[in-house]
Amino acid sequence: MLQPLVPEPVDRSVAAATTPATRLILALAAVHAARVAQIANLMLDEPTSATAG
């Protein structure tokens, strides 16, 4: 059974992921839950100055 995600809980989860470890866990859970076509269409944010080389 497929269950669509509602934006509000997703936004709360993203806001709660404040450490690199929790961001990684959230990203891995999202990739695990996504379909192949959804993963292919993901757009990553531009790197911030803190993470840019």
PDB file of N, CA and C in Angstrom:
ATOM      1  N   MET A   1       0.831  -1.153   0.000  1.00  0.00           N
ATOM      2  CA  MET A   1       0.000   0.000   0.000  1.00  0.00           C
ATOM      3  C   MET A   1       0.892   1.238   0.000  1.00  0.00           C
ATOM      4  N   LEU A   2       0.600   2.165  -0.896  1.00  0.00           N
ATOM      5  CA  LEU A   2       1.339   3.417  -0.949  1.00  0.00           C
ATOM      6  C   LEU A   2       0.588   4.472  -0.163  1.00  0.00           C
ATOM      7  N   GLN A   3       1.313   5.212   0.626  1.00  0.00           N
ATOM      8  CA  GLN A   3       0.700   6.265   1.420  1.00  0.00           C
ATOM      9  C   GLN A   3       1.450   7.559   1.140  1.00  0.00           C
ATOM     10  N   PRO A   4       0.754   8.562   0.569  1.00  0.00           N
ATOM     11  CA  PRO A   4       1.449   9.817   0.260  1.00  0.00           C
ATOM     12  C   PRO A   4       1.852  10.549   1.537  1.00  0.00           C
ATOM     13  N   LEU A   5       2.936  11.283   1.437  1.00  0.00           N
ATOM     14  CA  LEU A   5       3.393  12.073   2.571  1.00  0.00           C
ATOM     15  C   LEU A   5       2.739  13.449   2.537  1.00  0.00           C
ATOM     16  N   VAL A   6       2.330  13.910   3.688  1.00  0.00           N
ATOM     17  CA  VAL A   6       1.738  15.236   3.823  1.00  0.00           C
ATOM     18  C   VAL A   6       2.885  16.220   4.083  1.00  0.00           C
ATOM     19  N   PRO A   7       2.884  17.386   3.446  1.00  0.00           N
ATOM     20  CA  PRO A   7       4.014  18.311   3.586  1.00  0.00           C
ATOM     21  C   PRO A   7       4.331  18.747   5.024  1.00  0.00           C
ATOM     22  N   GLU A   8       3.336  18.936   5.862  1.00  0.00           N
ATOM     23  CA  GLU A   8       3.604  19.453   7.213  1.00  0.00           C
ATOM     24  C   GLU A   8       4.501  18.522   8.044  1.00  0.00           C
ATOM     25  N   PRO A   9       4.206  17.224   8.133  1.00  0.00           N
ATOM     26  CA  PRO A   9       5.118  16.349   8.893  1.00  0.00           C
ATOM     27  C   PRO A   9       6.513  16.265   8.271  1.00  0.00           C
ATOM     28  N   VAL A  10       6.581  16.323   6.954  1.00  0.00           N
ATOM     29  CA  VAL A  10       7.884  16.294   6.289  1.00  0.00           C
ATOM     30  C   VAL A  10       8.673  17.547   6.655  1.00  0.00           C
ATOM     31  N   ASP A  11       8.014  18.709   6.615  1.00  0.00           N
ATOM     32  CA  ASP A  11       8.682  19.962   6.973  1.00  0.00           C
ATOM     33  C   ASP A  11       9.164  19.941   8.424  1.00  0.00           C
ATOM     34  N   ARG A  12       8.354  19.385   9.316  1.00  0.00           N
ATOM     35  CA  ARG A  12       8.762  19.291  10.724  1.00  0.00           C
ATOM     36  C   ARG A  12       9.972  18.369  10.880  1.00  0.00           C
ATOM     37  N   SER A  13       9.990  17.286  10.130  1.00  0.00           N
ATOM     38  CA  SER A  13      11.124  16.360  10.198  1.00  0.00           C
ATOM     39  C   SER A  13      12.397  17.018   9.698  1.00  0.00           C
ATOM     40  N   VAL A  14      12.291  17.752   8.604  1.00  0.00           N
ATOM     41  CA  VAL A  14      13.461  18.447   8.055  1.00  0.00           C
ATOM     42  C   VAL A  14      13.957  19.495   9.047  1.00  0.00           C
ATOM     43  N   ALA A  15      13.037  20.242   9.655  1.00  0.00           N
ATOM     44  CA  ALA A  15      13.429  21.267  10.624  1.00  0.00           C
ATOM     45  C   ALA A  15      14.077  20.646  11.867  1.00  0.00           C
ATOM     46  N   ALA A  16      13.654  19.449  12.246  1.00  0.00           N
ATOM     47  CA  ALA A  16      14.193  18.791  13.439  1.00  0.00           C
ATOM     48  C   ALA A  16      15.567  18.177  13.190  1.00  0.00           C
ATOM     49  N   ALA A  17      15.916  17.949  11.940  1.00  0.00           N
ATOM     50  CA  ALA A  17      17.208  17.343  11.607  1.00  0.00           C
ATOM     51  C   ALA A  17      18.284  18.425  11.628  1.00  0.00           C
ATOM     52  N   THR A  18      18.853  18.669  12.788  1.00  0.00           N
ATOM     53  CA  THR A  18      19.781  19.791  12.954  1.00  0.00           C
ATOM     54  C   THR A  18      21.253  19.388  12.986  1.00  0.00           C
ATOM     55  N   THR A  19      21.532  18.104  13.046  1.00  0.00           N
ATOM     56  CA  THR A  19      22.929  17.653  13.061  1.00  0.00           C
ATOM     57  C   THR A  19      23.210  16.867  11.785  1.00  0.00           C
ATOM     58  N   PRO A  20      24.465  16.763  11.413  1.00  0.00           N
ATOM     59  CA  PRO A  20      24.785  15.972  10.214  1.00  0.00           C
ATOM     60  C   PRO A  20      24.268  14.538  10.304  1.00  0.00           C
ATOM     61  N   ALA A  21      24.325  13.936  11.481  1.00  0.00           N
ATOM     62  CA  ALA A  21      23.869  12.552  11.627  1.00  0.00           C
ATOM     63  C   ALA A  21      22.366  12.437  11.391  1.00  0.00           C
ATOM     64  N   THR A  22      21.594  13.355  11.960  1.00  0.00           N
ATOM     65  CA  THR A  22      20.143  13.274  11.765  1.00  0.00           C
ATOM     66  C   THR A  22      19.758  13.617  10.334  1.00  0.00           C
ATOM     67  N   ARG A  23      20.503  14.518   9.702  1.00  0.00           N
ATOM     68  CA  ARG A  23      20.237  14.821   8.283  1.00  0.00           C
ATOM     69  C   ARG A  23      20.507  13.599   7.414  1.00  0.00           C
ATOM     70  N   LEU A  24      21.583  12.880   7.721  1.00  0.00           N
ATOM     71  CA  LEU A  24      21.905  11.665   6.970  1.00  0.00           C
ATOM     72  C   LEU A  24      20.825  10.615   7.153  1.00  0.00           C
ATOM     73  N   ILE A  25      20.377  10.421   8.375  1.00  0.00           N
ATOM     74  CA  ILE A  25      19.318   9.442   8.635  1.00  0.00           C
ATOM     75  C   ILE A  25      18.053   9.813   7.876  1.00  0.00           C
ATOM     76  N   LEU A  26      17.683  11.091   7.903  1.00  0.00           N
ATOM     77  CA  LEU A  26      16.494  11.548   7.188  1.00  0.00           C
ATOM     78  C   LEU A  26      16.642  11.332   5.686  1.00  0.00           C
ATOM     79  N   ALA A  27      17.816  11.644   5.152  1.00  0.00           N
ATOM     80  CA  ALA A  27      18.049  11.450   3.719  1.00  0.00           C
ATOM     81  C   ALA A  27      17.984   9.979   3.337  1.00  0.00           C
ATOM     82  N   LEU A  28      18.582   9.111   4.149  1.00  0.00           N
ATOM     83  CA  LEU A  28      18.536   7.680   3.862  1.00  0.00           C
ATOM     84  C   LEU A  28      17.114   7.136   3.937  1.00  0.00           C
ATOM     85  N   ALA A  29      16.339   7.613   4.910  1.00  0.00           N
ATOM     86  CA  ALA A  29      14.943   7.179   5.013  1.00  0.00           C
ATOM     87  C   ALA A  29      14.146   7.645   3.804  1.00  0.00           C
ATOM     88  N   ALA A  30      14.399   8.864   3.352  1.00  0.00           N
ATOM     89  CA  ALA A  30      13.674   9.390   2.188  1.00  0.00           C
ATOM     90  C   ALA A  30      14.017   8.608   0.932  1.00  0.00           C
ATOM     91  N   VAL A  31      15.293   8.314   0.737  1.00  0.00           N
ATOM     92  CA  VAL A  31      15.706   7.546  -0.445  1.00  0.00           C
ATOM     93  C   VAL A  31      15.119   6.136  -0.389  1.00  0.00           C
ATOM     94  N   HIS A  32      15.099   5.547   0.790  1.00  0.00           N
ATOM     95  CA  HIS A  32      14.536   4.211   0.939  1.00  0.00           C
ATOM     96  C   HIS A  32      13.045   4.200   0.612  1.00  0.00           C
ATOM     97  N   ALA A  33      12.348   5.273   0.960  1.00  0.00           N
ATOM     98  CA  ALA A  33      10.901   5.334   0.762  1.00  0.00           C
ATOM     99  C   ALA A  33      10.514   5.778  -0.648  1.00  0.00           C
ATOM    100  N   ALA A  34      11.413   6.413  -1.350  1.00  0.00           N
ATOM    101  CA  ALA A  34      11.081   6.976  -2.665  1.00  0.00           C
ATOM    102  C   ALA A  34      11.125   5.906  -3.750  1.00  0.00           C
ATOM    103  N   ARG A  35      10.386   6.166  -4.793  1.00  0.00           N
ATOM    104  CA  ARG A  35      10.437   5.311  -5.974  1.00  0.00           C
ATOM    105  C   ARG A  35      11.606   5.735  -6.854  1.00  0.00           C
ATOM    106  N   VAL A  36      12.010   4.888  -7.772  1.00  0.00           N
ATOM    107  CA  VAL A  36      13.147   5.171  -8.638  1.00  0.00           C
ATOM    108  C   VAL A  36      12.930   6.458  -9.424  1.00  0.00           C
ATOM    109  N   ALA A  37      11.747   6.676  -9.975  1.00  0.00           N
ATOM    110  CA  ALA A  37      11.477   7.889 -10.748  1.00  0.00           C
ATOM    111  C   ALA A  37      11.565   9.135  -9.871  1.00  0.00           C
ATOM    112  N   GLN A  38      11.123   9.026  -8.623  1.00  0.00           N
ATOM    113  CA  GLN A  38      11.210  10.169  -7.716  1.00  0.00           C
ATOM    114  C   GLN A  38      12.667  10.492  -7.392  1.00  0.00           C
ATOM    115  N   ILE A  39      13.460   9.473  -7.183  1.00  0.00           N
ATOM    116  CA  ILE A  39      14.872   9.684  -6.887  1.00  0.00           C
ATOM    117  C   ILE A  39      15.559  10.346  -8.081  1.00  0.00           C
ATOM    118  N   ALA A  40      15.232   9.930  -9.291  1.00  0.00           N
ATOM    119  CA  ALA A  40      15.840  10.500 -10.487  1.00  0.00           C
ATOM    120  C   ALA A  40      15.498  11.972 -10.645  1.00  0.00           C
ATOM    121  N   ASN A  41      14.374  12.408 -10.106  1.00  0.00           N
ATOM    122  CA  ASN A  41      13.948  13.796 -10.251  1.00  0.00           C
ATOM    123  C   ASN A  41      14.357  14.694  -9.091  1.00  0.00           C
ATOM    124  N   LEU A  42      15.053  14.150  -8.102  1.00  0.00           N
ATOM    125  CA  LEU A  42      15.457  14.961  -6.956  1.00  0.00           C
ATOM    126  C   LEU A  42      16.420  16.054  -7.387  1.00  0.00           C
ATOM    127  N   MET A  43      16.231  17.214  -6.805  1.00  0.00           N
ATOM    128  CA  MET A  43      17.143  18.330  -7.038  1.00  0.00           C
ATOM    129  C   MET A  43      17.814  18.641  -5.699  1.00  0.00           C
ATOM    130  N   LEU A  44      19.114  18.625  -5.670  1.00  0.00           N
ATOM    131  CA  LEU A  44      19.842  18.912  -4.443  1.00  0.00           C
ATOM    132  C   LEU A  44      20.066  20.415  -4.330  1.00  0.00           C
ATOM    133  N   ASP A  45      20.070  20.911  -3.089  1.00  0.00           N
ATOM    134  CA  ASP A  45      20.358  22.318  -2.842  1.00  0.00           C
ATOM    135  C   ASP A  45      21.800  22.622  -3.220  1.00  0.00           C
ATOM    136  N   GLU A  46      22.038  23.888  -3.558  1.00  0.00           N
ATOM    137  CA  GLU A  46      23.401  24.335  -3.811  1.00  0.00           C
ATOM    138  C   GLU A  46      24.180  24.262  -2.504  1.00  0.00           C
ATOM    139  N   PRO A  47      25.447  23.935  -2.560  1.00  0.00           N
ATOM    140  CA  PRO A  47      26.230  23.908  -1.321  1.00  0.00           C
ATOM    141  C   PRO A  47      26.320  25.308  -0.713  1.00  0.00           C
ATOM    142  N   THR A  48      26.276  25.357   0.597  1.00  0.00           N
ATOM    143  CA  THR A  48      26.414  26.640   1.281  1.00  0.00           C
ATOM    144  C   THR A  48      27.884  26.987   1.409  1.00  0.00           C
ATOM    145  N   SER A  49      28.167  28.209   1.758  1.00  0.00           N
ATOM    146  CA  SER A  49      29.557  28.622   1.891  1.00  0.00           C
ATOM    147  C   SER A  49      30.278  27.836   2.981  1.00  0.00           C
ATOM    148  N   ALA A  50      29.523  27.341   3.986  1.00  0.00           N
ATOM    149  CA  ALA A  50      30.134  26.566   5.066  1.00  0.00           C
ATOM    150  C   ALA A  50      30.597  25.197   4.574  1.00  0.00           C
ATOM    151  N   THR A  51      29.923  24.649   3.549  1.00  0.00           N
ATOM    152  CA  THR A  51      30.304  23.310   3.078  1.00  0.00           C
ATOM    153  C   THR A  51      31.094  23.360   1.784  1.00  0.00           C
ATOM    154  N   ALA A  52      31.130  24.507   1.126  1.00  0.00           N
ATOM    155  CA  ALA A  52      31.875  24.625  -0.137  1.00  0.00           C
ATOM    156  C   ALA A  52      33.366  24.702   0.186  1.00  0.00           C
ATOM    157  N   GLY A  53      34.145  24.021  -0.671  1.00  0.00           N
ATOM    158  CA  GLY A  53      35.556  23.883  -0.490  1.00  0.00           C
ATOM    159  C   GLY A  53      36.313  25.099  -0.286  1.00  0.00           C
TER     160      GLY A  53
END
